[in-house]
Amino acid sequence: MLIKILGGGCKNCQNLHKNTLEALETLGVEAEVVKVEEINDIMAYGVMKTPALVIDEEVKVMGRVPKAKEITKILKEYI
């Protein structure tokens, strides 16, 4: 599983990254988590508002920071 955190490195982006790692730990699942900070790369996903959560090249959340519990629920679709 490849998870991408899209955003410029702001506090919300950092919180999304932290919550994603917490969700993975809760599930006991390993995944590659990558931060994408280049604006052109972010826009290639059609994301106009960050932060965004992309799982296996599918945008799942954008423009807000979901709690770890919500991310856990989303990740269960992929395991």
PDB file of N, CA and C in Angstrom:
ATOM      1  N   MET A   1       0.842  -1.165   0.000  1.00  0.00           N
ATOM      2  CA  MET A   1       0.000   0.000   0.000  1.00  0.00           C
ATOM      3  C   MET A   1       0.893   1.235   0.000  1.00  0.00           C
ATOM      4  N   LEU A   2       0.556   2.184  -0.840  1.00  0.00           N
ATOM      5  CA  LEU A   2       1.287   3.451  -0.920  1.00  0.00           C
ATOM      6  C   LEU A   2       0.354   4.568  -0.491  1.00  0.00           C
ATOM      7  N   ILE A   3       0.759   5.297   0.525  1.00  0.00           N
ATOM      8  CA  ILE A   3      -0.030   6.414   1.042  1.00  0.00           C
ATOM      9  C   ILE A   3       0.764   7.688   0.828  1.00  0.00           C
ATOM     10  N   LYS A   4       0.084   8.693   0.276  1.00  0.00           N
ATOM     11  CA  LYS A   4       0.731   9.986   0.054  1.00  0.00           C
ATOM     12  C   LYS A   4      -0.008  11.061   0.836  1.00  0.00           C
ATOM     13  N   ILE A   5       0.774  11.907   1.484  1.00  0.00           N
ATOM     14  CA  ILE A   5       0.250  13.074   2.178  1.00  0.00           C
ATOM     15  C   ILE A   5       0.593  14.264   1.300  1.00  0.00           C
ATOM     16  N   LEU A   6      -0.423  14.908   0.733  1.00  0.00           N
ATOM     17  CA  LEU A   6      -0.197  16.040  -0.158  1.00  0.00           C
ATOM     18  C   LEU A   6      -0.324  17.336   0.620  1.00  0.00           C
ATOM     19  N   GLY A   7       0.687  18.188   0.519  1.00  0.00           N
ATOM     20  CA  GLY A   7       0.648  19.486   1.182  1.00  0.00           C
ATOM     21  C   GLY A   7       2.031  20.062   1.319  1.00  0.00           C
ATOM     22  N   GLY A   8       2.065  21.345   1.589  1.00  0.00           N
ATOM     23  CA  GLY A   8       3.325  22.082   1.634  1.00  0.00           C
ATOM     24  C   GLY A   8       4.128  21.947   2.913  1.00  0.00           C
ATOM     25  N   GLY A   9       3.685  21.115   3.845  1.00  0.00           N
ATOM     26  CA  GLY A   9       4.438  20.940   5.083  1.00  0.00           C
ATOM     27  C   GLY A   9       3.895  21.765   6.236  1.00  0.00           C
ATOM     28  N   CYS A  10       2.691  22.296   6.099  1.00  0.00           N
ATOM     29  CA  CYS A  10       2.073  23.106   7.149  1.00  0.00           C
ATOM     30  C   CYS A  10       1.676  22.237   8.346  1.00  0.00           C
ATOM     31  N   LYS A  11       1.180  22.857   9.393  1.00  0.00           N
ATOM     32  CA  LYS A  11       0.781  22.153  10.609  1.00  0.00           C
ATOM     33  C   LYS A  11      -0.301  21.112  10.305  1.00  0.00           C
ATOM     34  N   ASN A  12      -1.278  21.447   9.462  1.00  0.00           N
ATOM     35  CA  ASN A  12      -2.329  20.495   9.107  1.00  0.00           C
ATOM     36  C   ASN A  12      -1.752  19.286   8.380  1.00  0.00           C
ATOM     37  N   CYS A  13      -0.786  19.516   7.514  1.00  0.00           N
ATOM     38  CA  CYS A  13      -0.145  18.415   6.784  1.00  0.00           C
ATOM     39  C   CYS A  13       0.602  17.506   7.757  1.00  0.00           C
ATOM     40  N   GLN A  14       1.273  18.102   8.724  1.00  0.00           N
ATOM     41  CA  GLN A  14       1.993  17.337   9.734  1.00  0.00           C
ATOM     42  C   GLN A  14       1.027  16.517  10.583  1.00  0.00           C
ATOM     43  N   ASN A  15      -0.119  17.108  10.917  1.00  0.00           N
ATOM     44  CA  ASN A  15      -1.121  16.385  11.707  1.00  0.00           C
ATOM     45  C   ASN A  15      -1.721  15.228  10.917  1.00  0.00           C
ATOM     46  N   LEU A  16      -1.945  15.431   9.616  1.00  0.00           N
ATOM     47  CA  LEU A  16      -2.466  14.351   8.773  1.00  0.00           C
ATOM     48  C   LEU A  16      -1.451  13.205   8.727  1.00  0.00           C
ATOM     49  N   HIS A  17      -0.187  13.530   8.602  1.00  0.00           N
ATOM     50  CA  HIS A  17       0.868  12.519   8.591  1.00  0.00           C
ATOM     51  C   HIS A  17       0.874  11.735   9.904  1.00  0.00           C
ATOM     52  N   LYS A  18       0.811  12.455  11.026  1.00  0.00           N
ATOM     53  CA  LYS A  18       0.804  11.826  12.352  1.00  0.00           C
ATOM     54  C   LYS A  18      -0.419  10.922  12.511  1.00  0.00           C
ATOM     55  N   ASN A  19      -1.582  11.405  12.127  1.00  0.00           N
ATOM     56  CA  ASN A  19      -2.811  10.615  12.256  1.00  0.00           C
ATOM     57  C   ASN A  19      -2.783   9.379  11.370  1.00  0.00           C
ATOM     58  N   THR A  20      -2.174   9.501  10.202  1.00  0.00           N
ATOM     59  CA  THR A  20      -2.060   8.366   9.289  1.00  0.00           C
ATOM     60  C   THR A  20      -1.167   7.290   9.886  1.00  0.00           C
ATOM     61  N   LEU A  21      -0.036   7.695  10.449  1.00  0.00           N
ATOM     62  CA  LEU A  21       0.864   6.730  11.081  1.00  0.00           C
ATOM     63  C   LEU A  21       0.186   6.064  12.277  1.00  0.00           C
ATOM     64  N   GLU A  22      -0.593   6.828  13.022  1.00  0.00           N
ATOM     65  CA  GLU A  22      -1.322   6.278  14.168  1.00  0.00           C
ATOM     66  C   GLU A  22      -2.353   5.235  13.698  1.00  0.00           C
ATOM     67  N   ALA A  23      -3.048   5.533  12.608  1.00  0.00           N
ATOM     68  CA  ALA A  23      -4.043   4.598  12.066  1.00  0.00           C
ATOM     69  C   ALA A  23      -3.376   3.311  11.595  1.00  0.00           C
ATOM     70  N   LEU A  24      -2.243   3.429  10.938  1.00  0.00           N
ATOM     71  CA  LEU A  24      -1.517   2.244  10.478  1.00  0.00           C
ATOM     72  C   LEU A  24      -1.082   1.389  11.663  1.00  0.00           C
ATOM     73  N   GLU A  25      -0.615   2.045  12.716  1.00  0.00           N
ATOM     74  CA  GLU A  25      -0.175   1.320  13.903  1.00  0.00           C
ATOM     75  C   GLU A  25      -1.362   0.604  14.563  1.00  0.00           C
ATOM     76  N   THR A  26      -2.493   1.272  14.631  1.00  0.00           N
ATOM     77  CA  THR A  26      -3.701   0.681  15.208  1.00  0.00           C
ATOM     78  C   THR A  26      -4.091  -0.589  14.464  1.00  0.00           C
ATOM     79  N   LEU A  27      -3.984  -0.549  13.144  1.00  0.00           N
ATOM     80  CA  LEU A  27      -4.356  -1.699  12.321  1.00  0.00           C
ATOM     81  C   LEU A  27      -3.262  -2.758  12.251  1.00  0.00           C
ATOM     82  N   GLY A  28      -2.044  -2.386  12.644  1.00  0.00           N
ATOM     83  CA  GLY A  28      -0.924  -3.320  12.536  1.00  0.00           C
ATOM     84  C   GLY A  28      -0.533  -3.562  11.091  1.00  0.00           C
ATOM     85  N   VAL A  29      -0.711  -2.546  10.266  1.00  0.00           N
ATOM     86  CA  VAL A  29      -0.445  -2.654   8.832  1.00  0.00           C
ATOM     87  C   VAL A  29       0.782  -1.810   8.486  1.00  0.00           C
ATOM     88  N   GLU A  30       1.610  -2.347   7.593  1.00  0.00           N
ATOM     89  CA  GLU A  30       2.746  -1.585   7.109  1.00  0.00           C
ATOM     90  C   GLU A  30       2.410  -1.001   5.750  1.00  0.00           C
ATOM     91  N   ALA A  31       2.846   0.216   5.529  1.00  0.00           N
ATOM     92  CA  ALA A  31       2.628   0.878   4.248  1.00  0.00           C
ATOM     93  C   ALA A  31       3.738   1.902   4.046  1.00  0.00           C
ATOM     94  N   GLU A  32       3.972   2.218   2.809  1.00  0.00           N
ATOM     95  CA  GLU A  32       4.923   3.285   2.498  1.00  0.00           C
ATOM     96  C   GLU A  32       4.159   4.605   2.568  1.00  0.00           C
ATOM     97  N   VAL A  33       4.644   5.526   3.402  1.00  0.00           N
ATOM     98  CA  VAL A  33       4.006   6.835   3.552  1.00  0.00           C
ATOM     99  C   VAL A  33       4.966   7.881   3.014  1.00  0.00           C
ATOM    100  N   VAL A  34       4.496   8.626   2.014  1.00  0.00           N
ATOM    101  CA  VAL A  34       5.330   9.605   1.324  1.00  0.00           C
ATOM    102  C   VAL A  34       4.685  10.985   1.428  1.00  0.00           C
ATOM    103  N   LYS A  35       5.514  11.983   1.681  1.00  0.00           N
ATOM    104  CA  LYS A  35       5.024  13.364   1.671  1.00  0.00           C
ATOM    105  C   LYS A  35       5.260  13.949   0.283  1.00  0.00           C
ATOM    106  N   VAL A  36       4.231  14.560  -0.275  1.00  0.00           N
ATOM    107  CA  VAL A  36       4.326  15.211  -1.581  1.00  0.00           C
ATOM    108  C   VAL A  36       4.116  16.698  -1.346  1.00  0.00           C
ATOM    109  N   GLU A  37       5.164  17.503  -1.596  1.00  0.00           N
ATOM    110  CA  GLU A  37       5.101  18.925  -1.274  1.00  0.00           C
ATOM    111  C   GLU A  37       5.165  19.838  -2.498  1.00  0.00           C
ATOM    112  N   GLU A  38       5.529  19.304  -3.640  1.00  0.00           N
ATOM    113  CA  GLU A  38       5.629  20.136  -4.852  1.00  0.00           C
ATOM    114  C   GLU A  38       4.233  20.441  -5.384  1.00  0.00           C
ATOM    115  N   ILE A  39       3.947  21.704  -5.601  1.00  0.00           N
ATOM    116  CA  ILE A  39       2.612  22.139  -6.010  1.00  0.00           C
ATOM    117  C   ILE A  39       2.145  21.481  -7.310  1.00  0.00           C
ATOM    118  N   ASN A  40       3.038  21.324  -8.269  1.00  0.00           N
ATOM    119  CA  ASN A  40       2.649  20.694  -9.537  1.00  0.00           C
ATOM    120  C   ASN A  40       2.270  19.225  -9.342  1.00  0.00           C
ATOM    121  N   ASP A  41       2.980  18.544  -8.459  1.00  0.00           N
ATOM    122  CA  ASP A  41       2.663  17.150  -8.157  1.00  0.00           C
ATOM    123  C   ASP A  41       1.316  17.048  -7.443  1.00  0.00           C
ATOM    124  N   ILE A  42       1.055  17.991  -6.541  1.00  0.00           N
ATOM    125  CA  ILE A  42      -0.220  18.018  -5.819  1.00  0.00           C
ATOM    126  C   ILE A  42      -1.369  18.282  -6.782  1.00  0.00           C
ATOM    127  N   MET A  43      -1.194  19.249  -7.655  1.00  0.00           N
ATOM    128  CA  MET A  43      -2.253  19.610  -8.606  1.00  0.00           C
ATOM    129  C   MET A  43      -2.527  18.490  -9.603  1.00  0.00           C
ATOM    130  N   ALA A  44      -1.550  17.638  -9.852  1.00  0.00           N
ATOM    131  CA  ALA A  44      -1.742  16.513 -10.770  1.00  0.00           C
ATOM    132  C   ALA A  44      -2.828  15.563 -10.268  1.00  0.00           C
ATOM    133  N   TYR A  45      -3.097  15.591  -8.967  1.00  0.00           N
ATOM    134  CA  TYR A  45      -4.163  14.760  -8.391  1.00  0.00           C
ATOM    135  C   TYR A  45      -5.512  15.465  -8.409  1.00  0.00           C
ATOM    136  N   GLY A  46      -5.535  16.702  -8.898  1.00  0.00           N
ATOM    137  CA  GLY A  46      -6.773  17.468  -8.916  1.00  0.00           C
ATOM    138  C   GLY A  46      -7.095  18.076  -7.562  1.00  0.00           C
ATOM    139  N   VAL A  47      -6.120  18.087  -6.673  1.00  0.00           N
ATOM    140  CA  VAL A  47      -6.313  18.636  -5.331  1.00  0.00           C
ATOM    141  C   VAL A  47      -6.071  20.135  -5.368  1.00  0.00           C
ATOM    142  N   MET A  48      -7.093  20.879  -4.961  1.00  0.00           N
ATOM    143  CA  MET A  48      -6.975  22.333  -4.945  1.00  0.00           C
ATOM    144  C   MET A  48      -6.837  22.876  -3.519  1.00  0.00           C
ATOM    145  N   LYS A  49      -7.097  22.018  -2.531  1.00  0.00           N
ATOM    146  CA  LYS A  49      -7.002  22.444  -1.137  1.00  0.00           C
ATOM    147  C   LYS A  49      -6.317  21.337  -0.339  1.00  0.00           C
ATOM    148  N   THR A  50      -5.247  21.694   0.347  1.00  0.00           N
ATOM    149  CA  THR A  50      -4.499  20.725   1.132  1.00  0.00           C
ATOM    150  C   THR A  50      -4.841  20.886   2.606  1.00  0.00           C
ATOM    151  N   PRO A  51      -4.519  19.897   3.396  1.00  0.00           N
ATOM    152  CA  PRO A  51      -3.827  18.659   3.066  1.00  0.00           C
ATOM    153  C   PRO A  51      -4.768  17.666   2.390  1.00  0.00           C
ATOM    154  N   ALA A  52      -4.163  16.666   1.777  1.00  0.00           N
ATOM    155  CA  ALA A  52      -4.943  15.609   1.141  1.00  0.00           C
ATOM    156  C   ALA A  52      -4.293  14.267   1.431  1.00  0.00           C
ATOM    157  N   LEU A  53      -5.136  13.251   1.490  1.00  0.00           N
ATOM    158  CA  LEU A  53      -4.699  11.888   1.744  1.00  0.00           C
ATOM    159  C   LEU A  53      -4.973  11.067   0.496  1.00  0.00           C
ATOM    160  N   VAL A  54      -3.915  10.466  -0.054  1.00  0.00           N
ATOM    161  CA  VAL A  54      -4.030   9.646  -1.256  1.00  0.00           C
ATOM    162  C   VAL A  54      -3.583   8.230  -0.910  1.00  0.00           C
ATOM    163  N   ILE A  55      -4.430   7.262  -1.218  1.00  0.00           N
ATOM    164  CA  ILE A  55      -4.100   5.865  -0.965  1.00  0.00           C
ATOM    165  C   ILE A  55      -4.126   5.125  -2.289  1.00  0.00           C
ATOM    166  N   ASP A  56      -2.990   4.506  -2.622  1.00  0.00           N
ATOM    167  CA  ASP A  56      -2.864   3.775  -3.886  1.00  0.00           C
ATOM    168  C   ASP A  56      -3.386   4.602  -5.064  1.00  0.00           C
ATOM    169  N   GLU A  57      -2.941   5.860  -5.111  1.00  0.00           N
ATOM    170  CA  GLU A  57      -3.224   6.808  -6.192  1.00  0.00           C
ATOM    171  C   GLU A  57      -4.685   7.272  -6.258  1.00  0.00           C
ATOM    172  N   GLU A  58      -5.450   7.055  -5.190  1.00  0.00           N
ATOM    173  CA  GLU A  58      -6.839   7.516  -5.135  1.00  0.00           C
ATOM    174  C   GLU A  58      -6.974   8.549  -4.016  1.00  0.00           C
ATOM    175  N   VAL A  59      -7.436   9.754  -4.347  1.00  0.00           N
ATOM    176  CA  VAL A  59      -7.626  10.796  -3.347  1.00  0.00           C
ATOM    177  C   VAL A  59      -8.810  10.402  -2.464  1.00  0.00           C
ATOM    178  N   LYS A  60      -8.553  10.269  -1.180  1.00  0.00           N
ATOM    179  CA  LYS A  60      -9.598   9.854  -0.243  1.00  0.00           C
ATOM    180  C   LYS A  60     -10.131  11.023   0.595  1.00  0.00           C
ATOM    181  N   VAL A  61      -9.262  11.970   0.933  1.00  0.00           N
ATOM    182  CA  VAL A  61      -9.652  13.127   1.747  1.00  0.00           C
ATOM    183  C   VAL A  61      -8.864  14.323   1.257  1.00  0.00           C
ATOM    184  N   MET A  62      -9.549  15.495   1.174  1.00  0.00           N
ATOM    185  CA  MET A  62      -8.795  16.709   0.848  1.00  0.00           C
ATOM    186  C   MET A  62      -9.387  17.906   1.576  1.00  0.00           C
ATOM    187  N   GLY A  63      -8.501  18.838   1.907  1.00  0.00           N
ATOM    188  CA  GLY A  63      -8.922  20.085   2.509  1.00  0.00           C
ATOM    189  C   GLY A  63      -9.231  20.033   3.997  1.00  0.00           C
ATOM    190  N   ARG A  64      -8.914  18.918   4.636  1.00  0.00           N
ATOM    191  CA  ARG A  64      -9.153  18.805   6.079  1.00  0.00           C
ATOM    192  C   ARG A  64      -8.250  17.720   6.659  1.00  0.00           C
ATOM    193  N   VAL A  65      -8.211  17.669   7.988  1.00  0.00           N
ATOM    194  CA  VAL A  65      -7.396  16.673   8.681  1.00  0.00           C
ATOM    195  C   VAL A  65      -8.328  15.687   9.381  1.00  0.00           C
ATOM    196  N   PRO A  66      -8.498  14.499   8.815  1.00  0.00           N
ATOM    197  CA  PRO A  66      -9.328  13.498   9.490  1.00  0.00           C
ATOM    198  C   PRO A  66      -8.615  12.940  10.714  1.00  0.00           C
ATOM    199  N   LYS A  67      -9.392  12.554  11.697  1.00  0.00           N
ATOM    200  CA  LYS A  67      -8.823  11.930  12.895  1.00  0.00           C
ATOM    201  C   LYS A  67      -8.322  10.531  12.533  1.00  0.00           C
ATOM    202  N   ALA A  68      -7.447  10.001  13.368  1.00  0.00           N
ATOM    203  CA  ALA A  68      -6.870   8.676  13.122  1.00  0.00           C
ATOM    204  C   ALA A  68      -7.953   7.614  12.975  1.00  0.00           C
ATOM    205  N   LYS A  69      -9.035   7.742  13.746  1.00  0.00           N
ATOM    206  CA  LYS A  69     -10.129   6.772  13.690  1.00  0.00           C
ATOM    207  C   LYS A  69     -10.773   6.739  12.297  1.00  0.00           C
ATOM    208  N   GLU A  70     -10.956   7.915  11.684  1.00  0.00           N
ATOM    209  CA  GLU A  70     -11.518   7.974  10.333  1.00  0.00           C
ATOM    210  C   GLU A  70     -10.556   7.383   9.310  1.00  0.00           C
ATOM    211  N   ILE A  71      -9.275   7.670   9.472  1.00  0.00           N
ATOM    212  CA  ILE A  71      -8.275   7.122   8.552  1.00  0.00           C
ATOM    213  C   ILE A  71      -8.230   5.602   8.680  1.00  0.00           C
ATOM    214  N   THR A  72      -8.352   5.100   9.901  1.00  0.00           N
ATOM    215  CA  THR A  72      -8.387   3.656  10.122  1.00  0.00           C
ATOM    216  C   THR A  72      -9.530   3.030   9.332  1.00  0.00           C
ATOM    217  N   LYS A  73     -10.679   3.653   9.391  1.00  0.00           N
ATOM    218  CA  LYS A  73     -11.852   3.160   8.655  1.00  0.00           C
ATOM    219  C   LYS A  73     -11.584   3.161   7.144  1.00  0.00           C
ATOM    220  N   ILE A  74     -10.967   4.199   6.639  1.00  0.00           N
ATOM    221  CA  ILE A  74     -10.647   4.286   5.204  1.00  0.00           C
ATOM    222  C   ILE A  74      -9.646   3.200   4.834  1.00  0.00           C
ATOM    223  N   LEU A  75      -8.622   3.013   5.661  1.00  0.00           N
ATOM    224  CA  LEU A  75      -7.584   2.024   5.361  1.00  0.00           C
ATOM    225  C   LEU A  75      -8.115   0.602   5.331  1.00  0.00           C
ATOM    226  N   LYS A  76      -9.152   0.329   6.097  1.00  0.00           N
ATOM    227  CA  LYS A  76      -9.723  -1.030   6.125  1.00  0.00           C
ATOM    228  C   LYS A  76     -10.230  -1.455   4.763  1.00  0.00           C
ATOM    229  N   GLU A  77     -10.562  -0.498   3.887  1.00  0.00           N
ATOM    230  CA  GLU A  77     -10.981  -0.816   2.517  1.00  0.00           C
ATOM    231  C   GLU A  77      -9.843  -1.430   1.697  1.00  0.00           C
ATOM    232  N   TYR A  78      -8.612  -1.216   2.140  1.00  0.00           N
ATOM    233  CA  TYR A  78      -7.439  -1.624   1.360  1.00  0.00           C
ATOM    234  C   TYR A  78      -6.726  -2.853   1.935  1.00  0.00           C
ATOM    235  N   ILE A  79      -7.210  -3.370   3.043  1.00  0.00           N
ATOM    236  CA  ILE A  79      -6.540  -4.538   3.633  1.00  0.00           C
ATOM    237  C   ILE A  79      -7.463  -5.732   3.688  1.00  0.00           C
TER     238      ILE A  79
END
